């Protein structure tokens, strides 16, 4: 009878320890997942946000340089010849296309993709007007520039500015997500500490109970 009661208690303790061990393993798994998500968020912050944002500013620099070339042709009394200007403009266009192709390989949210498509359309319109202006001379080119070319350039910069701003917004969302994962990791660590304390208490209780049984058994044998 005493053996059966002792065995039953041991099985309960063993089952409880098994449950605690499973909980510890599960928590460890969830903790590793959180750390992985935090790591991925920071990698994405660098590869998909920081680097592309720098590249987008490079596009802006090329747009400003193109506008300067165009103004020199239109208002500079042909100091810069149209053919020479076209070569320089094409070089800047290739730089811009290269950056956009690289940008398209990064992770883009739906809103980013929409803004990028709008930017590409604006660039095509602007490039078409630039080529038309450079093929004209004197007052004709100036009229097209002032009536349509300047506005097209402003529209392109506006689309680019919107795309740069969305980069900041998506970056903030990634930071918020990382904070949630960090909070979850802290919770998992706290639970692990609590489980370790519970296991420690159980071990002490088992040792104390074993000593009590041993002392009782020794007294019984002495009697």
N, C-alpha and C. Protein backbone atom coordinates (compact mmCIF):
# COMPACT_ATOMS: atom_id res chain seq x y z
N UNK A 1 0.84 -1.20 0.00
CA UNK A 1 0.00 0.00 0.00
C UNK A 1 0.87 1.25 0.00
N UNK A 2 1.89 1.26 0.89
CA UNK A 2 2.80 2.40 0.98
C UNK A 2 3.60 2.54 -0.31
N UNK A 3 3.97 1.38 -0.90
CA UNK A 3 4.74 1.40 -2.14
C UNK A 3 3.91 2.00 -3.29
N UNK A 4 2.64 1.58 -3.32
CA UNK A 4 1.75 2.07 -4.39
C UNK A 4 1.54 3.58 -4.25
N UNK A 5 1.36 4.04 -2.98
CA UNK A 5 1.18 5.48 -2.75
C UNK A 5 2.44 6.26 -3.14
N UNK A 6 3.61 5.72 -2.80
CA UNK A 6 4.88 6.37 -3.13
C UNK A 6 5.07 6.42 -4.65
N UNK A 7 4.74 5.32 -5.33
CA UNK A 7 4.88 5.27 -6.78
C UNK A 7 3.95 6.27 -7.46
N UNK A 8 2.72 6.40 -6.90
CA UNK A 8 1.75 7.35 -7.48
C UNK A 8 2.26 8.78 -7.36
N UNK A 9 2.84 9.11 -6.20
CA UNK A 9 3.38 10.46 -6.01
C UNK A 9 4.56 10.72 -6.94
N UNK A 10 5.40 9.70 -7.12
CA UNK A 10 6.56 9.85 -8.01
C UNK A 10 6.11 10.08 -9.45
N UNK A 11 5.06 9.37 -9.86
CA UNK A 11 4.54 9.55 -11.21
C UNK A 11 3.97 10.95 -11.41
N UNK A 12 3.30 11.47 -10.37
CA UNK A 12 2.77 12.83 -10.45
C UNK A 12 3.90 13.85 -10.59
N UNK A 13 4.93 13.65 -9.79
CA UNK A 13 6.07 14.57 -9.84
C UNK A 13 6.77 14.49 -11.19
N UNK A 14 6.94 13.26 -11.68
CA UNK A 14 7.60 13.06 -12.97
C UNK A 14 6.78 13.72 -14.09
N UNK A 15 5.45 13.56 -14.02
CA UNK A 15 4.58 14.15 -15.04
C UNK A 15 4.66 15.68 -14.98
N UNK A 16 4.68 16.22 -13.76
CA UNK A 16 4.77 17.67 -13.60
C UNK A 16 6.10 18.20 -14.15
N UNK A 17 7.18 17.49 -13.86
CA UNK A 17 8.49 17.89 -14.37
C UNK A 17 8.54 17.80 -15.90
N UNK A 18 7.88 16.76 -16.44
CA UNK A 18 7.82 16.61 -17.90
C UNK A 18 7.08 17.80 -18.52
N UNK A 19 5.97 18.21 -17.88
CA UNK A 19 5.20 19.36 -18.39
C UNK A 19 6.04 20.63 -18.35
N UNK A 20 6.77 20.80 -17.25
CA UNK A 20 7.62 21.99 -17.12
C UNK A 20 8.71 21.98 -18.17
N UNK A 21 9.29 20.79 -18.42
CA UNK A 21 10.34 20.68 -19.43
C UNK A 21 9.79 21.01 -20.82
N UNK A 22 8.58 20.52 -21.13
CA UNK A 22 7.96 20.82 -22.43
C UNK A 22 7.67 22.31 -22.57
N UNK A 23 7.20 22.92 -21.47
CA UNK A 23 6.95 24.37 -21.50
C UNK A 23 8.24 25.14 -21.73
N UNK A 24 9.31 24.69 -21.08
CA UNK A 24 10.61 25.35 -21.23
C UNK A 24 11.10 25.26 -22.67
N UNK A 25 10.95 24.07 -23.27
CA UNK A 25 11.37 23.88 -24.66
C UNK A 25 10.54 24.75 -25.61
N UNK A 26 9.22 24.81 -25.35
CA UNK A 26 8.34 25.63 -26.18
C UNK A 26 8.71 27.11 -26.08
N UNK A 27 8.96 27.55 -24.86
CA UNK A 27 9.34 28.95 -24.64
C UNK A 27 10.66 29.25 -25.34
N UNK A 28 11.58 28.29 -25.25
CA UNK A 28 12.87 28.47 -25.91
C UNK A 28 12.70 28.60 -27.42
N UNK A 29 11.80 27.77 -27.97
CA UNK A 29 11.53 27.81 -29.41
C UNK A 29 10.94 29.16 -29.80
N UNK A 30 9.96 29.64 -29.01
CA UNK A 30 9.34 30.94 -29.29
C UNK A 30 10.34 32.08 -29.15
N UNK A 31 11.22 31.95 -28.17
CA UNK A 31 12.24 32.97 -27.96
C UNK A 31 13.20 33.04 -29.15
N UNK A 32 13.60 31.87 -29.66
CA UNK A 32 14.48 31.84 -30.83
C UNK A 32 13.80 32.46 -32.05
N UNK A 33 12.49 32.19 -32.19
CA UNK A 33 11.73 32.78 -33.29
C UNK A 33 11.68 34.30 -33.19
N UNK A 34 11.50 34.80 -31.98
CA UNK A 34 11.46 36.25 -31.78
C UNK A 34 12.79 36.89 -32.12
N UNK A 35 13.88 36.25 -31.67
CA UNK A 35 15.21 36.77 -31.98
C UNK A 35 15.45 36.76 -33.49
N UNK A 36 14.99 35.70 -34.16
CA UNK A 36 15.15 35.61 -35.62
C UNK A 36 14.37 36.73 -36.32
N UNK A 37 13.15 37.00 -35.82
CA UNK A 37 12.34 38.06 -36.43
C UNK A 37 12.97 39.43 -36.20
N UNK A 38 13.53 39.64 -35.02
CA UNK A 38 14.21 40.90 -34.73
C UNK A 38 15.41 41.08 -35.67
N UNK A 39 16.17 39.99 -35.84
CA UNK A 39 17.34 40.03 -36.73
C UNK A 39 16.91 40.33 -38.17
N UNK A 40 15.84 39.67 -38.63
CA UNK A 40 15.34 39.90 -39.99
C UNK A 40 14.85 41.33 -40.17
N UNK A 41 14.23 41.87 -39.11
CA UNK A 41 13.73 43.25 -39.19
C UNK A 41 14.87 44.23 -39.36
N UNK A 42 15.98 44.01 -38.64
CA UNK A 42 17.13 44.92 -38.76
C UNK A 42 17.83 44.76 -40.11
N UNK A 43 17.89 43.52 -40.60
CA UNK A 43 18.47 43.30 -41.93
C UNK A 43 17.64 43.99 -43.00
N UNK A 44 16.31 43.86 -42.87
CA UNK A 44 15.42 44.52 -43.82
C UNK A 44 15.52 46.03 -43.71
N UNK A 45 15.71 46.51 -42.48
CA UNK A 45 15.86 47.96 -42.27
C UNK A 45 17.06 48.48 -43.07
N UNK A 46 18.13 47.70 -43.09
CA UNK A 46 19.33 48.13 -43.81
C UNK A 46 19.20 47.92 -45.32
N UNK A 47 18.86 46.67 -45.71
CA UNK A 47 18.85 46.32 -47.13
C UNK A 47 17.69 46.93 -47.90
N UNK A 48 16.51 47.00 -47.26
CA UNK A 48 15.30 47.43 -47.96
C UNK A 48 14.87 48.85 -47.66
N UNK A 49 15.54 49.52 -46.69
CA UNK A 49 15.13 50.87 -46.32
C UNK A 49 16.29 51.87 -46.39
N UNK A 50 17.37 51.58 -45.64
CA UNK A 50 18.47 52.54 -45.55
C UNK A 50 19.20 52.68 -46.89
N UNK A 51 19.61 51.56 -47.47
CA UNK A 51 20.33 51.61 -48.75
C UNK A 51 19.46 52.18 -49.87
N UNK A 52 18.20 51.71 -50.05
CA UNK A 52 17.36 52.30 -51.09
C UNK A 52 17.08 53.79 -50.89
N UNK A 53 16.93 54.22 -49.63
CA UNK A 53 16.69 55.65 -49.38
C UNK A 53 17.87 56.48 -49.86
N UNK A 54 19.08 55.97 -49.64
CA UNK A 54 20.28 56.66 -50.14
C UNK A 54 20.28 56.69 -51.67
N UNK A 55 19.87 55.58 -52.28
CA UNK A 55 19.81 55.52 -53.74
C UNK A 55 18.78 56.50 -54.31
N UNK A 56 17.66 56.65 -53.60
CA UNK A 56 16.62 57.57 -54.07
C UNK A 56 17.12 59.02 -54.06
N UNK A 57 17.93 59.35 -53.08
CA UNK A 57 18.53 60.69 -53.07
C UNK A 57 19.51 60.86 -54.24
N UNK A 58 20.12 59.76 -54.64
CA UNK A 58 21.01 59.79 -55.81
C UNK A 58 20.21 60.08 -57.08
N UNK A 59 18.97 59.55 -57.14
CA UNK A 59 18.08 59.87 -58.27
C UNK A 59 17.78 61.36 -58.28
N UNK A 60 17.49 61.92 -57.10
CA UNK A 60 17.19 63.35 -57.01
C UNK A 60 18.37 64.18 -57.50
N UNK A 61 19.57 63.76 -57.15
CA UNK A 61 20.76 64.49 -57.59
C UNK A 61 20.87 64.48 -59.11
N UNK A 62 20.60 63.34 -59.73
CA UNK A 62 20.65 63.25 -61.19
C UNK A 62 19.55 64.07 -61.84
N UNK A 63 18.40 64.14 -61.22
CA UNK A 63 17.30 64.95 -61.76
C UNK A 63 17.66 66.44 -61.73
N UNK A 64 18.26 66.87 -60.65
CA UNK A 64 18.67 68.28 -60.57
C UNK A 64 19.74 68.61 -61.61
N UNK A 65 20.67 67.69 -61.82
CA UNK A 65 21.72 67.91 -62.81
C UNK A 65 21.14 67.94 -64.23
N UNK A 66 20.15 67.08 -64.49
CA UNK A 66 19.50 67.11 -65.80
C UNK A 66 18.78 68.43 -66.03
N UNK A 67 18.11 68.91 -65.00
CA UNK A 67 17.39 70.18 -65.13
C UNK A 67 18.36 71.34 -65.38
N UNK A 68 19.52 71.27 -64.74
CA UNK A 68 20.53 72.31 -64.95
C UNK A 68 21.02 72.30 -66.39
N UNK A 69 21.24 71.11 -66.95
CA UNK A 69 21.67 70.99 -68.35
C UNK A 69 20.61 71.55 -69.29
N UNK A 70 19.35 71.20 -68.99
CA UNK A 70 18.25 71.65 -69.85
C UNK A 70 18.12 73.18 -69.81
N UNK A 71 18.24 73.76 -68.64
CA UNK A 71 18.14 75.22 -68.53
C UNK A 71 19.29 75.91 -69.25
N UNK A 72 20.46 75.28 -69.21
CA UNK A 72 21.62 75.86 -69.90
C UNK A 72 21.39 75.88 -71.40
N UNK A 73 20.74 74.83 -71.91
CA UNK A 73 20.45 74.78 -73.35
C UNK A 73 19.37 75.79 -73.71
N UNK A 74 18.31 75.84 -72.88
CA UNK A 74 17.15 76.68 -73.20
C UNK A 74 17.45 78.17 -73.01
N UNK A 75 18.14 78.50 -71.91
CA UNK A 75 18.33 79.92 -71.58
C UNK A 75 19.77 80.40 -71.78
N UNK A 76 20.67 79.51 -72.18
CA UNK A 76 22.07 79.89 -72.27
C UNK A 76 22.56 80.23 -73.65
N UNK A 77 21.63 80.56 -74.54
CA UNK A 77 22.00 80.93 -75.91
C UNK A 77 22.84 79.84 -76.59
N UNK A 78 22.42 78.59 -76.33
CA UNK A 78 23.07 77.43 -76.96
C UNK A 78 24.56 77.32 -76.65
N UNK A 79 24.94 77.77 -75.45
CA UNK A 79 26.33 77.58 -75.03
C UNK A 79 26.65 76.08 -74.99
N UNK A 80 25.68 75.33 -74.50
CA UNK A 80 25.82 73.87 -74.50
C UNK A 80 24.99 73.33 -75.65
N UNK A 81 25.63 72.79 -76.67
CA UNK A 81 24.95 72.32 -77.87
C UNK A 81 23.99 71.16 -77.54
N UNK A 82 22.90 71.08 -78.31
CA UNK A 82 21.89 70.06 -78.05
C UNK A 82 22.43 68.65 -78.08
N UNK A 83 23.30 68.31 -79.03
CA UNK A 83 23.84 66.96 -79.14
C UNK A 83 24.68 66.60 -77.91
N UNK A 84 25.53 67.55 -77.52
CA UNK A 84 26.36 67.33 -76.32
C UNK A 84 25.50 67.19 -75.08
N UNK A 85 24.46 68.04 -75.01
CA UNK A 85 23.55 67.99 -73.87
C UNK A 85 22.82 66.66 -73.82
N UNK A 86 22.44 66.15 -75.00
CA UNK A 86 21.71 64.88 -75.05
C UNK A 86 22.57 63.72 -74.53
N UNK A 87 23.85 63.75 -74.85
CA UNK A 87 24.77 62.71 -74.35
C UNK A 87 24.83 62.75 -72.83
N UNK A 88 24.93 63.93 -72.29
CA UNK A 88 24.99 64.08 -70.83
C UNK A 88 23.67 63.67 -70.17
N UNK A 89 22.56 64.05 -70.81
CA UNK A 89 21.24 63.70 -70.27
C UNK A 89 21.05 62.19 -70.26
N UNK A 90 21.48 61.53 -71.34
CA UNK A 90 21.34 60.08 -71.42
C UNK A 90 22.16 59.37 -70.35
N UNK A 91 23.30 59.95 -70.03
CA UNK A 91 24.13 59.37 -68.96
C UNK A 91 23.40 59.43 -67.63
N UNK A 92 22.77 60.57 -67.34
CA UNK A 92 22.00 60.70 -66.10
C UNK A 92 20.78 59.77 -66.13
N UNK A 93 20.16 59.62 -67.30
CA UNK A 93 19.01 58.71 -67.41
C UNK A 93 19.42 57.28 -67.12
N UNK A 94 20.59 56.88 -67.60
CA UNK A 94 21.08 55.53 -67.32
C UNK A 94 21.36 55.34 -65.83
N UNK A 95 21.90 56.38 -65.19
CA UNK A 95 22.15 56.31 -63.75
C UNK A 95 20.83 56.11 -62.99
N UNK A 96 19.81 56.85 -63.40
CA UNK A 96 18.51 56.76 -62.75
C UNK A 96 17.89 55.38 -62.97
N UNK A 97 17.95 54.88 -64.21
CA UNK A 97 17.39 53.55 -64.51
C UNK A 97 18.09 52.46 -63.71
N UNK A 98 19.41 52.60 -63.55
CA UNK A 98 20.17 51.62 -62.80
C UNK A 98 19.72 51.57 -61.34
N UNK A 99 19.50 52.74 -60.76
CA UNK A 99 19.06 52.80 -59.36
C UNK A 99 17.65 52.22 -59.21
N UNK A 100 16.77 52.53 -60.15
CA UNK A 100 15.39 52.02 -60.08
C UNK A 100 15.38 50.50 -60.22
N UNK A 101 16.18 49.97 -61.14
CA UNK A 101 16.26 48.51 -61.30
C UNK A 101 16.75 47.85 -60.01
N UNK A 102 17.71 48.46 -59.36
CA UNK A 102 18.21 47.94 -58.09
C UNK A 102 17.15 48.05 -57.00
N UNK A 103 16.43 49.17 -57.02
CA UNK A 103 15.38 49.40 -56.01
C UNK A 103 14.25 48.39 -56.13
N UNK A 104 13.92 47.98 -57.36
CA UNK A 104 12.84 47.02 -57.58
C UNK A 104 13.16 45.64 -57.04
N UNK A 105 14.43 45.35 -56.79
CA UNK A 105 14.83 44.05 -56.25
C UNK A 105 14.65 43.96 -54.74
N UNK A 106 14.42 45.10 -54.08
CA UNK A 106 14.22 45.10 -52.63
C UNK A 106 12.77 44.75 -52.31
N UNK A 107 12.51 44.52 -51.01
CA UNK A 107 11.14 44.23 -50.58
C UNK A 107 10.34 45.52 -50.59
N UNK A 108 9.23 45.52 -51.32
CA UNK A 108 8.39 46.71 -51.45
C UNK A 108 6.99 46.41 -50.94
N UNK A 109 6.48 47.26 -50.06
CA UNK A 109 5.09 47.14 -49.64
C UNK A 109 4.21 47.64 -50.79
N UNK A 110 2.92 47.38 -50.69
CA UNK A 110 1.99 47.71 -51.77
C UNK A 110 2.03 49.20 -52.12
N UNK A 111 2.08 50.05 -51.10
CA UNK A 111 2.08 51.49 -51.33
C UNK A 111 3.38 51.94 -52.00
N UNK A 112 4.48 51.33 -51.60
CA UNK A 112 5.77 51.65 -52.24
C UNK A 112 5.75 51.29 -53.73
N UNK A 113 5.21 50.10 -54.04
CA UNK A 113 5.15 49.68 -55.43
C UNK A 113 4.31 50.63 -56.26
N UNK A 114 3.21 51.10 -55.67
CA UNK A 114 2.35 52.05 -56.38
C UNK A 114 3.07 53.37 -56.64
N UNK A 115 3.77 53.89 -55.61
CA UNK A 115 4.51 55.15 -55.78
C UNK A 115 5.65 54.99 -56.78
N UNK A 116 6.29 53.81 -56.76
CA UNK A 116 7.38 53.56 -57.70
C UNK A 116 6.87 53.55 -59.14
N UNK A 117 5.72 52.93 -59.36
CA UNK A 117 5.13 52.91 -60.71
C UNK A 117 4.81 54.34 -61.18
N UNK A 118 4.30 55.15 -60.25
CA UNK A 118 4.00 56.55 -60.60
C UNK A 118 5.28 57.31 -60.95
N UNK A 119 6.35 57.04 -60.22
CA UNK A 119 7.63 57.69 -60.49
C UNK A 119 8.15 57.29 -61.86
N UNK A 120 8.06 56.01 -62.20
CA UNK A 120 8.54 55.54 -63.50
C UNK A 120 7.76 56.19 -64.65
N UNK A 121 6.46 56.34 -64.47
CA UNK A 121 5.64 57.01 -65.50
C UNK A 121 6.07 58.47 -65.65
N UNK A 122 6.29 59.14 -64.51
CA UNK A 122 6.70 60.55 -64.55
C UNK A 122 8.06 60.70 -65.22
N UNK A 123 8.96 59.76 -64.96
CA UNK A 123 10.29 59.81 -65.58
C UNK A 123 10.21 59.66 -67.10
N UNK A 124 9.35 58.75 -67.56
CA UNK A 124 9.19 58.56 -69.01
C UNK A 124 8.65 59.82 -69.69
N UNK A 125 7.65 60.45 -69.04
CA UNK A 125 7.10 61.68 -69.59
C UNK A 125 8.16 62.78 -69.63
N UNK A 126 8.92 62.90 -68.55
CA UNK A 126 9.95 63.93 -68.48
C UNK A 126 11.04 63.69 -69.52
N UNK A 127 11.47 62.45 -69.67
CA UNK A 127 12.52 62.15 -70.64
C UNK A 127 12.07 62.43 -72.07
N UNK A 128 10.79 62.15 -72.35
CA UNK A 128 10.26 62.44 -73.68
C UNK A 128 10.26 63.92 -73.98
N UNK A 129 9.86 64.72 -73.00
CA UNK A 129 9.86 66.18 -73.19
C UNK A 129 11.27 66.73 -73.30
N UNK A 130 12.19 66.17 -72.52
CA UNK A 130 13.58 66.62 -72.59
C UNK A 130 14.17 66.39 -73.97
N UNK A 131 13.92 65.20 -74.52
CA UNK A 131 14.44 64.88 -75.85
C UNK A 131 13.84 65.84 -76.89
N UNK A 132 12.56 66.14 -76.74
CA UNK A 132 11.88 67.05 -77.67
C UNK A 132 12.46 68.45 -77.58
N UNK A 133 12.70 68.91 -76.36
CA UNK A 133 13.25 70.26 -76.16
C UNK A 133 14.66 70.36 -76.74
N UNK A 134 15.47 69.31 -76.53
CA UNK A 134 16.85 69.34 -77.02
C UNK A 134 16.93 69.28 -78.55
N UNK A 135 15.90 68.73 -79.17
CA UNK A 135 15.89 68.67 -80.63
C UNK A 135 15.40 69.97 -81.27
N UNK A 136 14.88 70.87 -80.43
CA UNK A 136 14.44 72.17 -80.93
C UNK A 136 15.47 73.24 -80.56
N UNK A 137 15.36 74.35 -81.19
CA UNK A 137 16.30 75.44 -80.89
C UNK A 137 15.54 76.72 -80.62
N UNK A 138 16.20 77.59 -79.87
CA UNK A 138 15.67 78.93 -79.66
C UNK A 138 14.37 78.97 -78.90
N UNK A 139 13.45 79.82 -79.42
CA UNK A 139 12.20 80.10 -78.71
C UNK A 139 11.31 78.88 -78.61
N UNK A 140 11.32 77.99 -79.60
CA UNK A 140 10.44 76.81 -79.57
C UNK A 140 10.75 75.92 -78.37
N UNK A 141 12.03 75.65 -78.18
CA UNK A 141 12.43 74.83 -77.04
C UNK A 141 12.10 75.49 -75.72
N UNK A 142 12.29 76.81 -75.66
CA UNK A 142 12.00 77.55 -74.43
C UNK A 142 10.50 77.50 -74.09
N UNK A 143 9.66 77.60 -75.11
CA UNK A 143 8.21 77.57 -74.90
C UNK A 143 7.77 76.22 -74.34
N UNK A 144 8.28 75.13 -74.93
CA UNK A 144 7.92 73.79 -74.45
C UNK A 144 8.43 73.57 -73.02
N UNK A 145 9.64 74.06 -72.76
CA UNK A 145 10.20 73.90 -71.41
C UNK A 145 9.33 74.62 -70.38
N UNK A 146 8.97 75.87 -70.67
CA UNK A 146 8.21 76.66 -69.71
C UNK A 146 6.76 76.19 -69.58
N UNK A 147 6.20 75.67 -70.67
CA UNK A 147 4.80 75.25 -70.62
C UNK A 147 4.62 73.82 -70.09
N UNK A 148 5.56 72.94 -70.42
CA UNK A 148 5.40 71.52 -70.02
C UNK A 148 6.63 70.93 -69.34
N UNK A 149 7.82 71.27 -69.83
CA UNK A 149 9.04 70.64 -69.31
C UNK A 149 9.28 70.90 -67.83
N UNK A 150 9.13 72.15 -67.41
CA UNK A 150 9.36 72.49 -66.01
C UNK A 150 8.36 71.80 -65.10
N UNK A 151 7.10 71.77 -65.53
CA UNK A 151 6.05 71.12 -64.74
C UNK A 151 6.30 69.61 -64.64
N UNK A 152 6.76 68.99 -65.75
CA UNK A 152 7.06 67.55 -65.72
C UNK A 152 8.18 67.25 -64.74
N UNK A 153 9.20 68.11 -64.72
CA UNK A 153 10.31 67.92 -63.78
C UNK A 153 9.84 68.04 -62.34
N UNK A 154 8.94 69.01 -62.08
CA UNK A 154 8.40 69.19 -60.73
C UNK A 154 7.57 67.98 -60.31
N UNK A 155 6.79 67.44 -61.26
CA UNK A 155 5.97 66.26 -60.97
C UNK A 155 6.84 65.05 -60.63
N UNK A 156 7.93 64.90 -61.36
CA UNK A 156 8.84 63.78 -61.09
C UNK A 156 9.45 63.89 -59.70
N UNK A 157 9.87 65.10 -59.33
CA UNK A 157 10.44 65.31 -58.00
C UNK A 157 9.41 65.08 -56.91
N UNK A 158 8.15 65.45 -57.19
CA UNK A 158 7.08 65.23 -56.22
C UNK A 158 6.85 63.73 -56.00
N UNK A 159 6.86 62.95 -57.10
CA UNK A 159 6.69 61.49 -56.98
C UNK A 159 7.86 60.87 -56.22
N UNK A 160 9.05 61.38 -56.50
CA UNK A 160 10.24 60.87 -55.81
C UNK A 160 10.18 61.19 -54.33
N UNK A 161 9.75 62.41 -54.01
CA UNK A 161 9.63 62.82 -52.61
C UNK A 161 8.64 61.93 -51.87
N UNK A 162 7.52 61.60 -52.51
CA UNK A 162 6.52 60.73 -51.88
C UNK A 162 7.10 59.34 -51.61
N UNK A 163 7.90 58.85 -52.55
CA UNK A 163 8.52 57.53 -52.38
C UNK A 163 9.53 57.54 -51.24
N UNK A 164 10.28 58.62 -51.11
CA UNK A 164 11.26 58.74 -50.02
C UNK A 164 10.54 58.79 -48.68
N UNK A 165 9.42 59.50 -48.62
CA UNK A 165 8.67 59.61 -47.37
C UNK A 165 8.09 58.28 -46.93
N UNK A 166 7.62 57.48 -47.90
CA UNK A 166 7.06 56.18 -47.54
C UNK A 166 8.13 55.26 -46.99
N UNK A 167 9.38 55.47 -47.42
CA UNK A 167 10.50 54.72 -46.86
C UNK A 167 10.59 54.92 -45.35
N UNK A 168 10.44 56.16 -44.93
CA UNK A 168 10.51 56.48 -43.51
C UNK A 168 9.36 55.84 -42.75
N UNK A 169 8.17 55.86 -43.34
CA UNK A 169 6.99 55.28 -42.70
C UNK A 169 7.15 53.77 -42.51
N UNK A 170 7.58 53.08 -43.57
CA UNK A 170 7.77 51.63 -43.49
C UNK A 170 8.88 51.29 -42.48
N UNK A 171 9.93 52.13 -42.44
CA UNK A 171 11.00 51.93 -41.46
C UNK A 171 10.48 52.04 -40.03
N UNK A 172 9.60 53.01 -39.78
CA UNK A 172 9.00 53.15 -38.45
C UNK A 172 8.15 51.95 -38.10
N UNK A 173 7.45 51.40 -39.08
CA UNK A 173 6.64 50.19 -38.84
C UNK A 173 7.53 49.02 -38.46
N UNK A 174 8.69 48.91 -39.11
CA UNK A 174 9.63 47.84 -38.77
C UNK A 174 10.16 47.98 -37.35
N UNK A 175 10.42 49.23 -36.94
CA UNK A 175 10.90 49.48 -35.58
C UNK A 175 9.84 49.10 -34.56
N UNK A 176 8.58 49.46 -34.85
CA UNK A 176 7.48 49.11 -33.95
C UNK A 176 7.35 47.60 -33.82
N UNK A 177 7.47 46.90 -34.97
CA UNK A 177 7.40 45.45 -34.93
C UNK A 177 8.54 44.84 -34.12
N UNK A 178 9.73 45.42 -34.24
CA UNK A 178 10.88 44.93 -33.47
C UNK A 178 10.66 45.12 -31.98
N UNK A 179 10.04 46.24 -31.60
CA UNK A 179 9.75 46.49 -30.18
C UNK A 179 8.81 45.43 -29.63
N UNK A 180 7.83 45.02 -30.44
CA UNK A 180 6.89 43.98 -30.00
C UNK A 180 7.63 42.67 -29.79
N UNK A 181 8.51 42.33 -30.72
CA UNK A 181 9.28 41.08 -30.59
C UNK A 181 10.20 41.12 -29.36
N UNK A 182 10.80 42.30 -29.09
CA UNK A 182 11.66 42.46 -27.92
C UNK A 182 10.84 42.27 -26.64
N UNK A 183 9.64 42.85 -26.61
CA UNK A 183 8.77 42.69 -25.44
C UNK A 183 8.41 41.23 -25.23
N UNK A 184 8.12 40.52 -26.35
CA UNK A 184 7.81 39.10 -26.26
C UNK A 184 8.98 38.30 -25.73
N UNK A 185 10.19 38.65 -26.15
CA UNK A 185 11.38 37.96 -25.67
C UNK A 185 11.56 38.17 -24.17
N UNK A 186 11.28 39.37 -23.69
CA UNK A 186 11.37 39.65 -22.26
C UNK A 186 10.36 38.80 -21.47
N UNK A 187 9.15 38.66 -22.03
CA UNK A 187 8.13 37.84 -21.37
C UNK A 187 8.58 36.39 -21.29
N UNK A 188 9.13 35.88 -22.41
CA UNK A 188 9.60 34.49 -22.43
C UNK A 188 10.72 34.29 -21.40
N UNK A 189 11.62 35.25 -21.29
CA UNK A 189 12.72 35.15 -20.32
C UNK A 189 12.18 35.13 -18.90
N UNK A 190 11.17 35.95 -18.63
CA UNK A 190 10.56 35.99 -17.30
C UNK A 190 9.91 34.66 -16.96
N UNK A 191 9.18 34.08 -17.93
CA UNK A 191 8.54 32.78 -17.69
C UNK A 191 9.58 31.70 -17.44
N UNK A 192 10.68 31.75 -18.19
CA UNK A 192 11.76 30.78 -17.99
C UNK A 192 12.32 30.87 -16.57
N UNK A 193 12.50 32.08 -16.08
CA UNK A 193 13.01 32.26 -14.71
C UNK A 193 12.01 31.69 -13.70
N UNK A 194 10.72 31.94 -13.93
CA UNK A 194 9.69 31.42 -13.02
C UNK A 194 9.70 29.90 -13.01
N UNK A 195 9.80 29.30 -14.21
CA UNK A 195 9.85 27.83 -14.29
C UNK A 195 11.09 27.28 -13.60
N UNK A 196 12.22 27.97 -13.74
CA UNK A 196 13.45 27.53 -13.07
C UNK A 196 13.27 27.57 -11.55
N UNK A 197 12.60 28.62 -11.06
CA UNK A 197 12.34 28.73 -9.61
C UNK A 197 11.42 27.60 -9.15
N UNK A 198 10.37 27.31 -9.95
CA UNK A 198 9.44 26.22 -9.61
C UNK A 198 10.17 24.89 -9.53
N UNK A 199 11.04 24.65 -10.54
CA UNK A 199 11.82 23.40 -10.53
C UNK A 199 12.72 23.33 -9.30
N UNK A 200 13.35 24.47 -8.97
CA UNK A 200 14.20 24.50 -7.77
C UNK A 200 13.41 24.19 -6.51
N UNK A 201 12.23 24.79 -6.39
CA UNK A 201 11.38 24.54 -5.21
C UNK A 201 10.98 23.07 -5.14
N UNK A 202 10.63 22.49 -6.30
CA UNK A 202 10.23 21.08 -6.32
C UNK A 202 11.39 20.18 -5.92
N UNK A 203 12.60 20.50 -6.39
CA UNK A 203 13.76 19.68 -6.02
C UNK A 203 14.01 19.74 -4.51
N UNK A 204 13.92 20.98 -3.97
CA UNK A 204 14.10 21.12 -2.52
C UNK A 204 13.03 20.35 -1.76
N UNK A 205 11.77 20.43 -2.25
CA UNK A 205 10.67 19.73 -1.59
C UNK A 205 10.87 18.22 -1.65
N UNK A 206 11.33 17.72 -2.80
CA UNK A 206 11.57 16.28 -2.95
C UNK A 206 12.68 15.82 -2.02
N UNK A 207 13.77 16.60 -1.96
CA UNK A 207 14.89 16.25 -1.08
C UNK A 207 14.44 16.26 0.39
N UNK A 208 13.65 17.29 0.76
CA UNK A 208 13.16 17.38 2.13
C UNK A 208 12.26 16.20 2.47
N UNK A 209 11.38 15.85 1.51
CA UNK A 209 10.47 14.73 1.74
C UNK A 209 11.25 13.43 1.86
N UNK A 210 12.29 13.26 1.04
CA UNK A 210 13.12 12.04 1.10
C UNK A 210 13.84 11.95 2.44
N UNK A 211 14.37 13.09 2.92
CA UNK A 211 15.05 13.10 4.22
C UNK A 211 14.09 12.77 5.35
N UNK A 212 12.86 13.30 5.24
CA UNK A 212 11.87 13.04 6.28
C UNK A 212 11.50 11.57 6.32
N UNK A 213 11.34 10.98 5.10
CA UNK A 213 11.02 9.55 5.03
C UNK A 213 12.16 8.72 5.59
N UNK A 214 13.40 9.14 5.29
CA UNK A 214 14.57 8.39 5.75
C UNK A 214 14.67 8.45 7.27
N UNK A 215 14.46 9.65 7.85
CA UNK A 215 14.51 9.81 9.30
C UNK A 215 13.44 8.97 9.97
N UNK A 216 12.23 9.00 9.38
CA UNK A 216 11.13 8.20 9.93
C UNK A 216 11.44 6.72 9.86
N UNK A 217 12.07 6.30 8.74
CA UNK A 217 12.43 4.89 8.57
C UNK A 217 13.50 4.48 9.58
N UNK A 218 14.48 5.37 9.83
CA UNK A 218 15.55 5.06 10.79
C UNK A 218 14.98 4.92 12.20
N UNK A 219 14.05 5.78 12.56
CA UNK A 219 13.43 5.71 13.89
C UNK A 219 12.64 4.44 14.05
N UNK A 220 11.96 4.03 12.94
CA UNK A 220 11.16 2.80 12.99
C UNK A 220 12.06 1.58 13.18
N UNK A 221 13.24 1.60 12.51
CA UNK A 221 14.16 0.48 12.62
C UNK A 221 14.78 0.40 14.01
N UNK A 222 15.01 1.60 14.61
CA UNK A 222 15.56 1.62 15.96
C UNK A 222 14.57 1.05 16.96
N UNK A 223 13.32 1.36 16.74
CA UNK A 223 12.28 0.82 17.65
C UNK A 223 12.13 -0.68 17.45
